[in-house]
Amino acid sequence: MKRYCLALDLVNEPQLIAEYENYHRDVWPEIKKSITDSGIENMEIYRAGNRLFMIMEVNDSFSFERKGAMDADNPKVQEWEQLMWKYQQALPIAKPGEKWIIMDKIFAL
C-alpha cells in the first residue's frame, strides 16, 4: 500500500475553521464513497493552526489522474469542493487552482 501526505491551508478565521471541522465530522456519504471508489483505503486529516495535513493510504488502483477524472464527473463532489473553497486557501507554492499539495518525504526511521 502506498502512502501520500498532503498539505493545505485554511482561511485563518476561527469561525470558518470551526465550520470546516463541523463539515468533516459528518462528511457527506457521496464524498466518502467517491474517496473509497478511487482506491483510497485510509484517509486522515490533521490541523495545526490553519495548516492541514492529510495522510492517504491507497491501493494499486489509485492514481491522482483517475481520482481527478472521477471527481470532475461527479456533481456531488463538485458541490463539496466548491463549498470547501470557502474555508480553504492554497499554499503559497500552489499552482493556480491547485488545492492539496503532495509533500516530499525527507526522513524515515
N, C-alpha and C. Protein backbone atom coordinates (compact mmCIF):
# COMPACT_ATOMS: atom_id res chain seq x y z
N MET A 1 0.85 -1.17 0.00
CA MET A 1 0.00 0.00 0.00
C MET A 1 0.89 1.24 0.00
N LYS A 2 0.55 2.19 -0.81
CA LYS A 2 1.31 3.43 -0.92
C LYS A 2 0.68 4.50 -0.04
N ARG A 3 1.52 5.38 0.50
CA ARG A 3 1.05 6.46 1.36
C ARG A 3 1.46 7.80 0.75
N TYR A 4 0.51 8.75 0.77
CA TYR A 4 0.77 10.12 0.35
C TYR A 4 0.45 11.05 1.52
N CYS A 5 1.25 12.09 1.66
CA CYS A 5 0.99 13.13 2.64
C CYS A 5 0.85 14.44 1.88
N LEU A 6 -0.20 15.18 2.23
CA LEU A 6 -0.52 16.41 1.51
C LEU A 6 -0.79 17.54 2.50
N ALA A 7 -0.62 18.78 2.04
CA ALA A 7 -0.84 19.94 2.90
C ALA A 7 -1.72 20.96 2.18
N LEU A 8 -2.43 21.73 2.99
CA LEU A 8 -3.33 22.79 2.52
C LEU A 8 -3.57 23.72 3.69
N ASP A 9 -3.84 24.97 3.42
CA ASP A 9 -4.16 25.91 4.49
C ASP A 9 -5.66 26.21 4.51
N LEU A 10 -6.12 26.60 5.68
CA LEU A 10 -7.47 27.12 5.83
C LEU A 10 -7.40 28.64 5.95
N VAL A 11 -8.48 29.30 5.59
CA VAL A 11 -8.58 30.73 5.86
C VAL A 11 -8.45 30.89 7.37
N ASN A 12 -7.60 31.79 7.80
CA ASN A 12 -7.25 31.88 9.22
C ASN A 12 -8.27 32.72 9.99
N GLU A 13 -9.50 32.22 10.04
CA GLU A 13 -10.57 32.84 10.81
C GLU A 13 -11.22 31.75 11.67
N PRO A 14 -11.21 31.91 13.00
CA PRO A 14 -11.70 30.86 13.89
C PRO A 14 -13.10 30.34 13.55
N GLN A 15 -14.02 31.21 13.19
CA GLN A 15 -15.39 30.76 12.86
C GLN A 15 -15.39 29.85 11.63
N LEU A 16 -14.61 30.23 10.60
CA LEU A 16 -14.55 29.41 9.39
C LEU A 16 -13.86 28.08 9.66
N ILE A 17 -12.84 28.10 10.49
CA ILE A 17 -12.15 26.85 10.84
C ILE A 17 -13.11 25.92 11.59
N ALA A 18 -13.91 26.47 12.50
CA ALA A 18 -14.89 25.66 13.24
C ALA A 18 -15.93 25.07 12.28
N GLU A 19 -16.40 25.87 11.33
CA GLU A 19 -17.37 25.36 10.35
C GLU A 19 -16.75 24.23 9.52
N TYR A 20 -15.51 24.42 9.09
CA TYR A 20 -14.82 23.40 8.30
C TYR A 20 -14.72 22.09 9.07
N GLU A 21 -14.35 22.20 10.34
CA GLU A 21 -14.25 20.99 11.16
C GLU A 21 -15.61 20.32 11.34
N ASN A 22 -16.67 21.11 11.48
CA ASN A 22 -18.01 20.54 11.59
C ASN A 22 -18.38 19.75 10.34
N TYR A 23 -18.09 20.29 9.17
CA TYR A 23 -18.36 19.54 7.93
C TYR A 23 -17.60 18.22 7.93
N HIS A 24 -16.40 18.20 8.47
CA HIS A 24 -15.60 16.98 8.44
C HIS A 24 -15.94 16.00 9.55
N ARG A 25 -16.77 16.40 10.48
CA ARG A 25 -17.30 15.45 11.47
C ARG A 25 -18.43 14.62 10.87
N ASP A 26 -19.04 15.14 9.81
CA ASP A 26 -20.18 14.48 9.17
C ASP A 26 -20.08 14.63 7.65
N VAL A 27 -19.01 14.07 7.09
CA VAL A 27 -18.77 14.17 5.65
C VAL A 27 -19.91 13.49 4.90
N TRP A 28 -20.36 14.14 3.84
CA TRP A 28 -21.46 13.59 3.04
C TRP A 28 -21.14 12.17 2.58
N PRO A 29 -22.11 11.28 2.61
CA PRO A 29 -21.85 9.89 2.20
C PRO A 29 -21.35 9.78 0.77
N GLU A 30 -21.81 10.65 -0.12
CA GLU A 30 -21.36 10.60 -1.52
C GLU A 30 -19.87 10.93 -1.63
N ILE A 31 -19.38 11.77 -0.72
CA ILE A 31 -17.97 12.12 -0.73
C ILE A 31 -17.14 10.95 -0.22
N LYS A 32 -17.60 10.32 0.86
CA LYS A 32 -16.89 9.14 1.36
C LYS A 32 -16.83 8.05 0.29
N LYS A 33 -17.94 7.85 -0.42
CA LYS A 33 -17.97 6.83 -1.47
C LYS A 33 -17.00 7.18 -2.60
N SER A 34 -16.95 8.44 -2.98
CA SER A 34 -16.03 8.84 -4.05
C SER A 34 -14.58 8.62 -3.64
N ILE A 35 -14.29 8.81 -2.37
CA ILE A 35 -12.93 8.59 -1.87
C ILE A 35 -12.58 7.12 -1.95
N THR A 36 -13.43 6.25 -1.41
CA THR A 36 -13.11 4.82 -1.41
C THR A 36 -13.16 4.24 -2.82
N ASP A 37 -14.08 4.71 -3.66
CA ASP A 37 -14.18 4.21 -5.03
C ASP A 37 -12.91 4.51 -5.84
N SER A 38 -12.17 5.56 -5.44
CA SER A 38 -10.97 5.93 -6.18
C SER A 38 -9.75 5.08 -5.81
N GLY A 39 -9.89 4.26 -4.77
CA GLY A 39 -8.76 3.43 -4.34
C GLY A 39 -8.09 3.91 -3.07
N ILE A 40 -8.65 4.94 -2.45
CA ILE A 40 -8.13 5.41 -1.17
C ILE A 40 -8.72 4.52 -0.08
N GLU A 41 -7.87 3.86 0.67
CA GLU A 41 -8.35 2.94 1.70
C GLU A 41 -8.35 3.54 3.09
N ASN A 42 -7.52 4.53 3.31
CA ASN A 42 -7.49 5.21 4.60
C ASN A 42 -7.12 6.66 4.35
N MET A 43 -7.82 7.56 5.05
CA MET A 43 -7.53 8.98 4.93
C MET A 43 -7.72 9.62 6.30
N GLU A 44 -6.74 10.41 6.69
CA GLU A 44 -6.83 11.17 7.93
C GLU A 44 -6.40 12.60 7.64
N ILE A 45 -7.06 13.57 8.29
CA ILE A 45 -6.68 14.97 8.16
C ILE A 45 -6.42 15.51 9.57
N TYR A 46 -5.30 16.18 9.72
CA TYR A 46 -4.91 16.81 10.98
C TYR A 46 -4.80 18.31 10.76
N ARG A 47 -4.94 19.08 11.85
CA ARG A 47 -4.85 20.53 11.76
C ARG A 47 -3.93 21.07 12.85
N ALA A 48 -3.08 22.01 12.46
CA ALA A 48 -2.27 22.79 13.40
C ALA A 48 -2.47 24.25 13.00
N GLY A 49 -3.16 25.01 13.85
CA GLY A 49 -3.49 26.38 13.45
C GLY A 49 -4.39 26.33 12.23
N ASN A 50 -3.98 26.98 11.16
CA ASN A 50 -4.78 26.92 9.94
C ASN A 50 -4.14 26.01 8.88
N ARG A 51 -3.12 25.25 9.25
CA ARG A 51 -2.46 24.33 8.32
C ARG A 51 -3.08 22.94 8.46
N LEU A 52 -3.46 22.35 7.32
CA LEU A 52 -4.00 20.99 7.28
C LEU A 52 -2.93 20.03 6.75
N PHE A 53 -2.96 18.83 7.27
CA PHE A 53 -2.05 17.76 6.86
C PHE A 53 -2.90 16.51 6.64
N MET A 54 -2.86 15.98 5.43
CA MET A 54 -3.65 14.79 5.09
C MET A 54 -2.71 13.61 4.83
N ILE A 55 -3.10 12.46 5.37
CA ILE A 55 -2.41 11.21 5.10
C ILE A 55 -3.39 10.31 4.35
N MET A 56 -2.97 9.84 3.19
CA MET A 56 -3.80 8.92 2.40
C MET A 56 -3.02 7.63 2.17
N GLU A 57 -3.68 6.51 2.44
CA GLU A 57 -3.12 5.21 2.09
C GLU A 57 -3.98 4.66 0.98
N VAL A 58 -3.34 4.28 -0.12
CA VAL A 58 -4.08 3.93 -1.33
C VAL A 58 -3.69 2.53 -1.82
N ASN A 59 -4.62 1.91 -2.55
CA ASN A 59 -4.31 0.61 -3.14
C ASN A 59 -3.73 0.81 -4.55
N ASP A 60 -3.44 -0.29 -5.21
CA ASP A 60 -2.77 -0.23 -6.52
C ASP A 60 -3.63 0.38 -7.61
N SER A 61 -4.94 0.47 -7.42
CA SER A 61 -5.81 1.05 -8.45
C SER A 61 -5.81 2.58 -8.42
N PHE A 62 -5.25 3.18 -7.36
CA PHE A 62 -5.32 4.63 -7.21
C PHE A 62 -4.32 5.36 -8.08
N SER A 63 -4.79 6.47 -8.67
CA SER A 63 -3.90 7.46 -9.27
C SER A 63 -4.58 8.82 -9.11
N PHE A 64 -3.77 9.87 -8.99
CA PHE A 64 -4.33 11.21 -8.87
C PHE A 64 -5.08 11.61 -10.14
N GLU A 65 -4.61 11.15 -11.28
CA GLU A 65 -5.28 11.47 -12.54
C GLU A 65 -6.67 10.82 -12.59
N ARG A 66 -6.74 9.56 -12.21
CA ARG A 66 -8.03 8.85 -12.19
C ARG A 66 -8.98 9.50 -11.18
N LYS A 67 -8.47 9.83 -9.99
CA LYS A 67 -9.30 10.47 -8.97
C LYS A 67 -9.81 11.82 -9.48
N GLY A 68 -8.97 12.59 -10.13
CA GLY A 68 -9.38 13.88 -10.69
C GLY A 68 -10.47 13.74 -11.73
N ALA A 69 -10.34 12.73 -12.59
CA ALA A 69 -11.36 12.49 -13.63
C ALA A 69 -12.68 12.05 -13.00
N MET A 70 -12.60 11.18 -12.00
CA MET A 70 -13.81 10.73 -11.31
C MET A 70 -14.50 11.91 -10.63
N ASP A 71 -13.72 12.76 -9.98
CA ASP A 71 -14.28 13.91 -9.28
C ASP A 71 -14.93 14.90 -10.26
N ALA A 72 -14.29 15.10 -11.40
CA ALA A 72 -14.82 16.04 -12.39
C ALA A 72 -16.17 15.58 -12.92
N ASP A 73 -16.40 14.27 -12.95
CA ASP A 73 -17.66 13.71 -13.45
C ASP A 73 -18.71 13.51 -12.37
N ASN A 74 -18.42 13.92 -11.14
CA ASN A 74 -19.33 13.69 -10.03
C ASN A 74 -19.87 15.03 -9.51
N PRO A 75 -21.14 15.37 -9.81
CA PRO A 75 -21.69 16.65 -9.40
C PRO A 75 -21.66 16.87 -7.88
N LYS A 76 -21.84 15.82 -7.10
CA LYS A 76 -21.84 15.99 -5.65
C LYS A 76 -20.43 16.33 -5.15
N VAL A 77 -19.41 15.72 -5.75
CA VAL A 77 -18.04 16.06 -5.38
C VAL A 77 -17.75 17.50 -5.77
N GLN A 78 -18.22 17.92 -6.93
CA GLN A 78 -18.01 19.31 -7.36
C GLN A 78 -18.70 20.28 -6.40
N GLU A 79 -19.89 19.93 -5.93
CA GLU A 79 -20.59 20.77 -4.96
C GLU A 79 -19.80 20.87 -3.66
N TRP A 80 -19.28 19.74 -3.18
CA TRP A 80 -18.48 19.70 -1.95
C TRP A 80 -17.21 20.56 -2.12
N GLU A 81 -16.53 20.38 -3.24
CA GLU A 81 -15.29 21.13 -3.47
C GLU A 81 -15.55 22.63 -3.52
N GLN A 82 -16.62 23.05 -4.16
CA GLN A 82 -16.97 24.47 -4.19
C GLN A 82 -17.23 24.99 -2.78
N LEU A 83 -17.95 24.21 -2.00
CA LEU A 83 -18.24 24.59 -0.61
C LEU A 83 -16.94 24.70 0.20
N MET A 84 -16.04 23.74 0.04
CA MET A 84 -14.81 23.72 0.82
C MET A 84 -13.90 24.90 0.49
N TRP A 85 -13.96 25.43 -0.74
CA TRP A 85 -13.12 26.57 -1.10
C TRP A 85 -13.46 27.80 -0.26
N LYS A 86 -14.63 27.84 0.34
CA LYS A 86 -14.97 28.94 1.25
C LYS A 86 -14.01 28.96 2.44
N TYR A 87 -13.53 27.79 2.81
CA TYR A 87 -12.72 27.61 4.01
C TYR A 87 -11.23 27.44 3.71
N GLN A 88 -10.92 26.95 2.53
CA GLN A 88 -9.55 26.60 2.19
C GLN A 88 -8.86 27.74 1.45
N GLN A 89 -7.54 27.77 1.59
CA GLN A 89 -6.74 28.66 0.75
C GLN A 89 -5.48 27.91 0.35
N ALA A 90 -5.11 28.09 -0.88
CA ALA A 90 -3.95 27.37 -1.41
C ALA A 90 -2.68 27.80 -0.71
N LEU A 91 -1.74 26.88 -0.63
CA LEU A 91 -0.41 27.22 -0.12
C LEU A 91 0.25 28.20 -1.10
N PRO A 92 1.17 29.01 -0.60
CA PRO A 92 1.84 29.97 -1.50
C PRO A 92 2.54 29.31 -2.68
N ILE A 93 2.95 28.05 -2.54
CA ILE A 93 3.66 27.35 -3.62
C ILE A 93 2.72 26.68 -4.62
N ALA A 94 1.42 26.75 -4.38
CA ALA A 94 0.44 26.06 -5.25
C ALA A 94 0.34 26.73 -6.61
N LYS A 95 0.06 25.90 -7.60
CA LYS A 95 -0.23 26.41 -8.94
C LYS A 95 -1.68 26.92 -8.95
N PRO A 96 -2.05 27.76 -9.90
CA PRO A 96 -3.44 28.25 -9.95
C PRO A 96 -4.45 27.09 -9.97
N GLY A 97 -5.44 27.18 -9.09
CA GLY A 97 -6.47 26.15 -9.00
C GLY A 97 -6.08 24.92 -8.21
N GLU A 98 -4.85 24.82 -7.78
CA GLU A 98 -4.37 23.64 -7.05
C GLU A 98 -4.70 23.79 -5.57
N LYS A 99 -5.19 22.71 -4.99
CA LYS A 99 -5.52 22.71 -3.56
C LYS A 99 -4.44 21.97 -2.79
N TRP A 100 -4.71 20.73 -2.50
CA TRP A 100 -3.79 19.93 -1.70
C TRP A 100 -2.47 19.74 -2.45
N ILE A 101 -1.37 19.95 -1.75
CA ILE A 101 -0.02 19.80 -2.32
C ILE A 101 0.61 18.54 -1.74
N ILE A 102 1.11 17.68 -2.62
CA ILE A 102 1.81 16.48 -2.16
C ILE A 102 3.13 16.89 -1.52
N MET A 103 3.35 16.37 -0.34
CA MET A 103 4.57 16.67 0.41
C MET A 103 5.67 15.65 0.08
N ASP A 104 6.90 16.10 0.12
CA ASP A 104 8.04 15.22 -0.10
C ASP A 104 8.50 14.63 1.23
N LYS A 105 8.69 13.33 1.23
CA LYS A 105 9.20 12.65 2.43
C LYS A 105 10.69 12.96 2.53
N ILE A 106 11.10 13.49 3.67
CA ILE A 106 12.50 13.84 3.84
C ILE A 106 13.20 13.03 4.95
N PHE A 107 12.44 12.23 5.69
CA PHE A 107 13.03 11.42 6.75
C PHE A 107 12.14 10.23 7.06
N ALA A 108 12.75 9.10 7.36
CA ALA A 108 12.04 7.90 7.84
C ALA A 108 12.95 7.20 8.82
N LEU A 109 12.39 6.63 9.87
CA LEU A 109 13.16 5.92 10.89
C LEU A 109 12.83 4.45 10.78
